[in-house]
Amino acid sequence: MQVQLKKPELEKFIDDQVKAGHFPTPEAAVEAAVQQMMLEQMRELDDDTVNAINRAEEQIDGGQGVDFKKFAADMRKKLAAG
């Protein structure tokens, strides 16, 4: 694939990054930028996840939460009992 940057300031930025030794080639700089975009996209939460988090927060605010220390102790007892 061939990519041509249309904005001179972007090309200059990449050239400056290569000259500064941050990347061995302009292609490597562009690849790093695309990889960063991919990582950011993976970090985004989908609607189902956001809704689940909101429901959990509402439950906690409504007093339906569980104390973690008590939960962990109960689980340890349960596992020890086999």
PDB file of N, CA and C in Angstrom:
ATOM      1  N   MET A   1       0.837  -1.165   0.000  1.00  0.00           N
ATOM      2  CA  MET A   1       0.000   0.000   0.000  1.00  0.00           C
ATOM      3  C   MET A   1       0.888   1.236   0.000  1.00  0.00           C
ATOM      4  N   GLN A   2       0.511   2.178  -0.796  1.00  0.00           N
ATOM      5  CA  GLN A   2       1.222   3.450  -0.848  1.00  0.00           C
ATOM      6  C   GLN A   2       0.331   4.518  -0.233  1.00  0.00           C
ATOM      7  N   VAL A   3       0.889   5.331   0.651  1.00  0.00           N
ATOM      8  CA  VAL A   3       0.140   6.407   1.279  1.00  0.00           C
ATOM      9  C   VAL A   3       0.877   7.706   1.015  1.00  0.00           C
ATOM     10  N   GLN A   4       0.119   8.714   0.609  1.00  0.00           N
ATOM     11  CA  GLN A   4       0.720  10.022   0.386  1.00  0.00           C
ATOM     12  C   GLN A   4       0.019  11.028   1.291  1.00  0.00           C
ATOM     13  N   LEU A   5       0.799  11.711   2.095  1.00  0.00           N
ATOM     14  CA  LEU A   5       0.226  12.709   2.990  1.00  0.00           C
ATOM     15  C   LEU A   5      -0.063  13.977   2.209  1.00  0.00           C
ATOM     16  N   LYS A   6      -1.237  14.530   2.406  1.00  0.00           N
ATOM     17  CA  LYS A   6      -1.666  15.720   1.659  1.00  0.00           C
ATOM     18  C   LYS A   6      -1.340  17.013   2.409  1.00  0.00           C
ATOM     19  N   LYS A   7      -1.092  16.897   3.711  1.00  0.00           N
ATOM     20  CA  LYS A   7      -0.803  18.092   4.502  1.00  0.00           C
ATOM     21  C   LYS A   7       0.695  18.179   4.763  1.00  0.00           C
ATOM     22  N   PRO A   8       1.327  19.255   4.302  1.00  0.00           N
ATOM     23  CA  PRO A   8       2.776  19.397   4.474  1.00  0.00           C
ATOM     24  C   PRO A   8       3.222  19.358   5.930  1.00  0.00           C
ATOM     25  N   GLU A   9       2.388  19.866   6.841  1.00  0.00           N
ATOM     26  CA  GLU A   9       2.789  19.882   8.248  1.00  0.00           C
ATOM     27  C   GLU A   9       2.878  18.474   8.818  1.00  0.00           C
ATOM     28  N   LEU A  10       2.061  17.555   8.315  1.00  0.00           N
ATOM     29  CA  LEU A  10       2.146  16.166   8.757  1.00  0.00           C
ATOM     30  C   LEU A  10       3.422  15.508   8.232  1.00  0.00           C
ATOM     31  N   GLU A  11       3.707  15.762   6.987  1.00  0.00           N
ATOM     32  CA  GLU A  11       4.928  15.211   6.397  1.00  0.00           C
ATOM     33  C   GLU A  11       6.163  15.750   7.123  1.00  0.00           C
ATOM     34  N   LYS A  12       6.143  17.054   7.436  1.00  0.00           N
ATOM     35  CA  LYS A  12       7.268  17.650   8.157  1.00  0.00           C
ATOM     36  C   LYS A  12       7.400  17.028   9.543  1.00  0.00           C
ATOM     37  N   PHE A  13       6.280  16.821  10.221  1.00  0.00           N
ATOM     38  CA  PHE A  13       6.315  16.227  11.554  1.00  0.00           C
ATOM     39  C   PHE A  13       6.950  14.837  11.498  1.00  0.00           C
ATOM     40  N   ILE A  14       6.538  14.038  10.540  1.00  0.00           N
ATOM     41  CA  ILE A  14       7.097  12.692  10.414  1.00  0.00           C
ATOM     42  C   ILE A  14       8.580  12.761  10.081  1.00  0.00           C
ATOM     43  N   ASP A  15       8.942  13.630   9.163  1.00  0.00           N
ATOM     44  CA  ASP A  15      10.365  13.787   8.828  1.00  0.00           C
ATOM     45  C   ASP A  15      11.176  14.201  10.055  1.00  0.00           C
ATOM     46  N   ASP A  16      10.623  15.120  10.846  1.00  0.00           N
ATOM     47  CA  ASP A  16      11.309  15.554  12.066  1.00  0.00           C
ATOM     48  C   ASP A  16      11.469  14.400  13.055  1.00  0.00           C
ATOM     49  N   GLN A  17      10.451  13.544  13.166  1.00  0.00           N
ATOM     50  CA  GLN A  17      10.522  12.387  14.059  1.00  0.00           C
ATOM     51  C   GLN A  17      11.614  11.411  13.615  1.00  0.00           C
ATOM     52  N   VAL A  18      11.717  11.230  12.327  1.00  0.00           N
ATOM     53  CA  VAL A  18      12.761  10.336  11.796  1.00  0.00           C
ATOM     54  C   VAL A  18      14.138  10.952  12.035  1.00  0.00           C
ATOM     55  N   LYS A  19      14.278  12.238  11.739  1.00  0.00           N
ATOM     56  CA  LYS A  19      15.560  12.921  11.934  1.00  0.00           C
ATOM     57  C   LYS A  19      15.989  12.914  13.405  1.00  0.00           C
ATOM     58  N   ALA A  20      15.003  12.977  14.309  1.00  0.00           N
ATOM     59  CA  ALA A  20      15.305  12.974  15.746  1.00  0.00           C
ATOM     60  C   ALA A  20      15.661  11.572  16.233  1.00  0.00           C
ATOM     61  N   GLY A  21      15.507  10.576  15.372  1.00  0.00           N
ATOM     62  CA  GLY A  21      15.872   9.214  15.738  1.00  0.00           C
ATOM     63  C   GLY A  21      14.768   8.419  16.414  1.00  0.00           C
ATOM     64  N   HIS A  22      13.570   8.955  16.420  1.00  0.00           N
ATOM     65  CA  HIS A  22      12.454   8.245  17.051  1.00  0.00           C
ATOM     66  C   HIS A  22      11.972   7.063  16.208  1.00  0.00           C
ATOM     67  N   PHE A  23      12.183   7.149  14.905  1.00  0.00           N
ATOM     68  CA  PHE A  23      11.783   6.087  13.980  1.00  0.00           C
ATOM     69  C   PHE A  23      12.860   5.944  12.914  1.00  0.00           C
ATOM     70  N   PRO A  24      13.058   4.713  12.435  1.00  0.00           N
ATOM     71  CA  PRO A  24      14.099   4.523  11.424  1.00  0.00           C
ATOM     72  C   PRO A  24      13.690   5.038  10.042  1.00  0.00           C
ATOM     73  N   THR A  25      12.395   5.054   9.761  1.00  0.00           N
ATOM     74  CA  THR A  25      11.900   5.476   8.453  1.00  0.00           C
ATOM     75  C   THR A  25      10.552   6.175   8.619  1.00  0.00           C
ATOM     76  N   PRO A  26      10.135   6.938   7.615  1.00  0.00           N
ATOM     77  CA  PRO A  26       8.793   7.527   7.664  1.00  0.00           C
ATOM     78  C   PRO A  26       7.704   6.449   7.737  1.00  0.00           C
ATOM     79  N   GLU A  27       7.919   5.342   7.062  1.00  0.00           N
ATOM     80  CA  GLU A  27       6.946   4.243   7.095  1.00  0.00           C
ATOM     81  C   GLU A  27       6.768   3.707   8.517  1.00  0.00           C
ATOM     82  N   ALA A  28       7.863   3.602   9.246  1.00  0.00           N
ATOM     83  CA  ALA A  28       7.794   3.116  10.626  1.00  0.00           C
ATOM     84  C   ALA A  28       7.005   4.088  11.499  1.00  0.00           C
ATOM     85  N   ALA A  29       7.159   5.379  11.260  1.00  0.00           N
ATOM     86  CA  ALA A  29       6.411   6.380  12.020  1.00  0.00           C
ATOM     87  C   ALA A  29       4.919   6.263  11.730  1.00  0.00           C
ATOM     88  N   VAL A  30       4.563   6.100  10.472  1.00  0.00           N
ATOM     89  CA  VAL A  30       3.149   5.969  10.104  1.00  0.00           C
ATOM     90  C   VAL A  30       2.584   4.669  10.677  1.00  0.00           C
ATOM     91  N   GLU A  31       3.334   3.591  10.619  1.00  0.00           N
ATOM     92  CA  GLU A  31       2.882   2.312  11.192  1.00  0.00           C
ATOM     93  C   GLU A  31       2.624   2.456  12.692  1.00  0.00           C
ATOM     94  N   ALA A  32       3.505   3.163  13.394  1.00  0.00           N
ATOM     95  CA  ALA A  32       3.326   3.370  14.828  1.00  0.00           C
ATOM     96  C   ALA A  32       2.058   4.179  15.091  1.00  0.00           C
ATOM     97  N   ALA A  33       1.795   5.172  14.258  1.00  0.00           N
ATOM     98  CA  ALA A  33       0.596   5.989  14.430  1.00  0.00           C
ATOM     99  C   ALA A  33      -0.663   5.158  14.206  1.00  0.00           C
ATOM    100  N   VAL A  34      -0.650   4.297  13.200  1.00  0.00           N
ATOM    101  CA  VAL A  34      -1.812   3.447  12.927  1.00  0.00           C
ATOM    102  C   VAL A  34      -2.005   2.441  14.063  1.00  0.00           C
ATOM    103  N   GLN A  35      -0.931   1.870  14.562  1.00  0.00           N
ATOM    104  CA  GLN A  35      -1.033   0.940  15.692  1.00  0.00           C
ATOM    105  C   GLN A  35      -1.624   1.639  16.915  1.00  0.00           C
ATOM    106  N   GLN A  36      -1.230   2.884  17.152  1.00  0.00           N
ATOM    107  CA  GLN A  36      -1.772   3.651  18.273  1.00  0.00           C
ATOM    108  C   GLN A  36      -3.273   3.868  18.086  1.00  0.00           C
ATOM    109  N   MET A  37      -3.701   4.176  16.876  1.00  0.00           N
ATOM    110  CA  MET A  37      -5.133   4.345  16.612  1.00  0.00           C
ATOM    111  C   MET A  37      -5.886   3.049  16.876  1.00  0.00           C
ATOM    112  N   MET A  38      -5.299   1.925  16.501  1.00  0.00           N
ATOM    113  CA  MET A  38      -5.934   0.626  16.729  1.00  0.00           C
ATOM    114  C   MET A  38      -6.079   0.352  18.224  1.00  0.00           C
ATOM    115  N   LEU A  39      -5.037   0.653  19.000  1.00  0.00           N
ATOM    116  CA  LEU A  39      -5.093   0.454  20.450  1.00  0.00           C
ATOM    117  C   LEU A  39      -6.168   1.325  21.085  1.00  0.00           C
ATOM    118  N   GLU A  40      -6.257   2.575  20.648  1.00  0.00           N
ATOM    119  CA  GLU A  40      -7.266   3.478  21.187  1.00  0.00           C
ATOM    120  C   GLU A  40      -8.668   2.975  20.870  1.00  0.00           C
ATOM    121  N   GLN A  41      -8.843   2.448  19.686  1.00  0.00           N
ATOM    122  CA  GLN A  41     -10.149   1.930  19.288  1.00  0.00           C
ATOM    123  C   GLN A  41     -10.529   0.715  20.137  1.00  0.00           C
ATOM    124  N   MET A  42      -9.553  -0.131  20.453  1.00  0.00           N
ATOM    125  CA  MET A  42      -9.830  -1.302  21.271  1.00  0.00           C
ATOM    126  C   MET A  42     -10.191  -0.912  22.698  1.00  0.00           C
ATOM    127  N   ARG A  43      -9.685   0.235  23.158  1.00  0.00           N
ATOM    128  CA  ARG A  43      -9.959   0.685  24.521  1.00  0.00           C
ATOM    129  C   ARG A  43     -11.359   1.257  24.678  1.00  0.00           C
ATOM    130  N   GLU A  44     -11.985   1.622  23.564  1.00  0.00           N
ATOM    131  CA  GLU A  44     -13.319   2.198  23.639  1.00  0.00           C
ATOM    132  C   GLU A  44     -14.317   1.142  24.110  1.00  0.00           C
ATOM    133  N   LEU A  45     -15.237   1.561  24.938  1.00  0.00           N
ATOM    134  CA  LEU A  45     -16.238   0.651  25.469  1.00  0.00           C
ATOM    135  C   LEU A  45     -17.467   0.654  24.566  1.00  0.00           C
ATOM    136  N   ASP A  46     -18.011  -0.532  24.331  1.00  0.00           N
ATOM    137  CA  ASP A  46     -19.230  -0.603  23.541  1.00  0.00           C
ATOM    138  C   ASP A  46     -20.429  -0.223  24.417  1.00  0.00           C
ATOM    139  N   ASP A  47     -21.588  -0.033  23.789  1.00  0.00           N
ATOM    140  CA  ASP A  47     -22.784   0.419  24.514  1.00  0.00           C
ATOM    141  C   ASP A  47     -23.198  -0.555  25.604  1.00  0.00           C
ATOM    142  N   ASP A  48     -23.095  -1.860  25.347  1.00  0.00           N
ATOM    143  CA  ASP A  48     -23.480  -2.852  26.357  1.00  0.00           C
ATOM    144  C   ASP A  48     -22.611  -2.741  27.600  1.00  0.00           C
ATOM    145  N   THR A  49     -21.324  -2.527  27.399  1.00  0.00           N
ATOM    146  CA  THR A  49     -20.408  -2.403  28.534  1.00  0.00           C
ATOM    147  C   THR A  49     -20.688  -1.132  29.323  1.00  0.00           C
ATOM    148  N   VAL A  50     -20.905  -0.033  28.622  1.00  0.00           N
ATOM    149  CA  VAL A  50     -21.221   1.234  29.297  1.00  0.00           C
ATOM    150  C   VAL A  50     -22.509   1.084  30.092  1.00  0.00           C
ATOM    151  N   ASN A  51     -23.525   0.450  29.508  1.00  0.00           N
ATOM    152  CA  ASN A  51     -24.794   0.249  30.205  1.00  0.00           C
ATOM    153  C   ASN A  51     -24.616  -0.629  31.446  1.00  0.00           C
ATOM    154  N   ALA A  52     -23.802  -1.670  31.337  1.00  0.00           N
ATOM    155  CA  ALA A  52     -23.549  -2.551  32.487  1.00  0.00           C
ATOM    156  C   ALA A  52     -22.854  -1.784  33.616  1.00  0.00           C
ATOM    157  N   ILE A  53     -21.903  -0.946  33.266  1.00  0.00           N
ATOM    158  CA  ILE A  53     -21.211  -0.137  34.275  1.00  0.00           C
ATOM    159  C   ILE A  53     -22.195   0.815  34.948  1.00  0.00           C
ATOM    160  N   ASN A  54     -23.043   1.449  34.146  1.00  0.00           N
ATOM    161  CA  ASN A  54     -24.027   2.378  34.716  1.00  0.00           C
ATOM    162  C   ASN A  54     -25.000   1.666  35.648  1.00  0.00           C
ATOM    163  N   ARG A  55     -25.453   0.463  35.251  1.00  0.00           N
ATOM    164  CA  ARG A  55     -26.352  -0.314  36.121  1.00  0.00           C
ATOM    165  C   ARG A  55     -25.653  -0.673  37.436  1.00  0.00           C
ATOM    166  N   ALA A  56     -24.399  -1.078  37.347  1.00  0.00           N
ATOM    167  CA  ALA A  56     -23.646  -1.437  38.551  1.00  0.00           C
ATOM    168  C   ALA A  56     -23.492  -0.230  39.473  1.00  0.00           C
ATOM    169  N   GLU A  57     -23.205   0.924  38.908  1.00  0.00           N
ATOM    170  CA  GLU A  57     -23.072   2.127  39.726  1.00  0.00           C
ATOM    171  C   GLU A  57     -24.400   2.477  40.401  1.00  0.00           C
ATOM    172  N   GLU A  58     -25.507   2.311  39.662  1.00  0.00           N
ATOM    173  CA  GLU A  58     -26.826   2.563  40.249  1.00  0.00           C
ATOM    174  C   GLU A  58     -27.100   1.593  41.401  1.00  0.00           C
ATOM    175  N   GLN A  59     -26.706   0.335  41.236  1.00  0.00           N
ATOM    176  CA  GLN A  59     -26.906  -0.654  42.296  1.00  0.00           C
ATOM    177  C   GLN A  59     -26.080  -0.296  43.528  1.00  0.00           C
ATOM    178  N   ILE A  60     -24.856   0.103  43.322  1.00  0.00           N
ATOM    179  CA  ILE A  60     -23.995   0.497  44.441  1.00  0.00           C
ATOM    180  C   ILE A  60     -24.590   1.712  45.147  1.00  0.00           C
ATOM    181  N   ASP A  61     -25.015   2.709  44.355  1.00  0.00           N
ATOM    182  CA  ASP A  61     -25.620   3.907  44.946  1.00  0.00           C
ATOM    183  C   ASP A  61     -26.899   3.566  45.704  1.00  0.00           C
ATOM    184  N   GLY A  62     -27.595   2.513  45.278  1.00  0.00           N
ATOM    185  CA  GLY A  62     -28.827   2.092  45.936  1.00  0.00           C
ATOM    186  C   GLY A  62     -28.596   1.161  47.110  1.00  0.00           C
ATOM    187  N   GLY A  63     -27.346   0.962  47.485  1.00  0.00           N
ATOM    188  CA  GLY A  63     -27.034   0.136  48.632  1.00  0.00           C
ATOM    189  C   GLY A  63     -27.005  -1.356  48.338  1.00  0.00           C
ATOM    190  N   GLN A  64     -26.966  -1.728  47.075  1.00  0.00           N
ATOM    191  CA  GLN A  64     -26.959  -3.142  46.701  1.00  0.00           C
ATOM    192  C   GLN A  64     -25.552  -3.696  46.525  1.00  0.00           C
ATOM    193  N   GLY A  65     -24.551  -2.898  46.823  1.00  0.00           N
ATOM    194  CA  GLY A  65     -23.175  -3.352  46.665  1.00  0.00           C
ATOM    195  C   GLY A  65     -22.787  -4.352  47.749  1.00  0.00           C
ATOM    196  N   VAL A  66     -21.682  -5.028  47.518  1.00  0.00           N
ATOM    197  CA  VAL A  66     -21.166  -6.018  48.465  1.00  0.00           C
ATOM    198  C   VAL A  66     -19.791  -5.550  48.921  1.00  0.00           C
ATOM    199  N   ASP A  67     -19.564  -5.615  50.210  1.00  0.00           N
ATOM    200  CA  ASP A  67     -18.252  -5.272  50.745  1.00  0.00           C
ATOM    201  C   ASP A  67     -17.228  -6.300  50.245  1.00  0.00           C
ATOM    202  N   PHE A  68     -16.189  -5.826  49.596  1.00  0.00           N
ATOM    203  CA  PHE A  68     -15.218  -6.743  48.992  1.00  0.00           C
ATOM    204  C   PHE A  68     -14.522  -7.613  50.030  1.00  0.00           C
ATOM    205  N   LYS A  69     -14.125  -7.041  51.151  1.00  0.00           N
ATOM    206  CA  LYS A  69     -13.406  -7.824  52.161  1.00  0.00           C
ATOM    207  C   LYS A  69     -14.272  -8.961  52.694  1.00  0.00           C
ATOM    208  N   LYS A  70     -15.557  -8.671  52.930  1.00  0.00           N
ATOM    209  CA  LYS A  70     -16.473  -9.705  53.400  1.00  0.00           C
ATOM    210  C   LYS A  70     -16.669 -10.766  52.311  1.00  0.00           C
ATOM    211  N   PHE A  71     -16.845 -10.316  51.081  1.00  0.00           N
ATOM    212  CA  PHE A  71     -17.007 -11.246  49.966  1.00  0.00           C
ATOM    213  C   PHE A  71     -15.787 -12.162  49.836  1.00  0.00           C
ATOM    214  N   ALA A  72     -14.584 -11.586  49.891  1.00  0.00           N
ATOM    215  CA  ALA A  72     -13.356 -12.373  49.756  1.00  0.00           C
ATOM    216  C   ALA A  72     -13.230 -13.385  50.890  1.00  0.00           C
ATOM    217  N   ALA A  73     -13.553 -12.956  52.106  1.00  0.00           N
ATOM    218  CA  ALA A  73     -13.484 -13.880  53.250  1.00  0.00           C
ATOM    219  C   ALA A  73     -14.479 -15.019  53.085  1.00  0.00           C
ATOM    220  N   ASP A  74     -15.683 -14.695  52.649  1.00  0.00           N
ATOM    221  CA  ASP A  74     -16.693 -15.733  52.421  1.00  0.00           C
ATOM    222  C   ASP A  74     -16.245 -16.713  51.335  1.00  0.00           C
ATOM    223  N   MET A  75     -15.648 -16.221  50.293  1.00  0.00           N
ATOM    224  CA  MET A  75     -15.177 -17.085  49.207  1.00  0.00           C
ATOM    225  C   MET A  75     -14.046 -17.991  49.664  1.00  0.00           C
ATOM    226  N   ARG A  76     -13.130 -17.433  50.498  1.00  0.00           N
ATOM    227  CA  ARG A  76     -12.039 -18.252  51.031  1.00  0.00           C
ATOM    228  C   ARG A  76     -12.583 -19.403  51.870  1.00  0.00           C
ATOM    229  N   LYS A  77     -13.579 -19.093  52.708  1.00  0.00           N
ATOM    230  CA  LYS A  77     -14.208 -20.140  53.533  1.00  0.00           C
ATOM    231  C   LYS A  77     -14.864 -21.186  52.648  1.00  0.00           C
ATOM    232  N   LYS A  78     -15.560 -20.743  51.642  1.00  0.00           N
ATOM    233  CA  LYS A  78     -16.259 -21.650  50.741  1.00  0.00           C
ATOM    234  C   LYS A  78     -15.263 -22.554  50.008  1.00  0.00           C
ATOM    235  N   LEU A  79     -14.175 -21.975  49.540  1.00  0.00           N
ATOM    236  CA  LEU A  79     -13.170 -22.773  48.835  1.00  0.00           C
ATOM    237  C   LEU A  79     -12.465 -23.748  49.788  1.00  0.00           C
ATOM    238  N   ALA A  80     -12.222 -23.314  51.005  1.00  0.00           N
ATOM    239  CA  ALA A  80     -11.548 -24.179  51.979  1.00  0.00           C
ATOM    240  C   ALA A  80     -12.441 -25.350  52.366  1.00  0.00           C
ATOM    241  N   ALA A  81     -13.748 -25.124  52.380  1.00  0.00           N
ATOM    242  CA  ALA A  81     -14.690 -26.188  52.745  1.00  0.00           C
ATOM    243  C   ALA A  81     -14.820 -27.221  51.621  1.00  0.00           C
ATOM    244  N   GLY A  82     -14.428 -26.804  50.434  1.00  0.00           N
ATOM    245  CA  GLY A  82     -14.343 -27.715  49.309  1.00  0.00           C
ATOM    246  C   GLY A  82     -15.589 -28.065  48.659  1.00  0.00           C
TER     247      GLY A  82
END
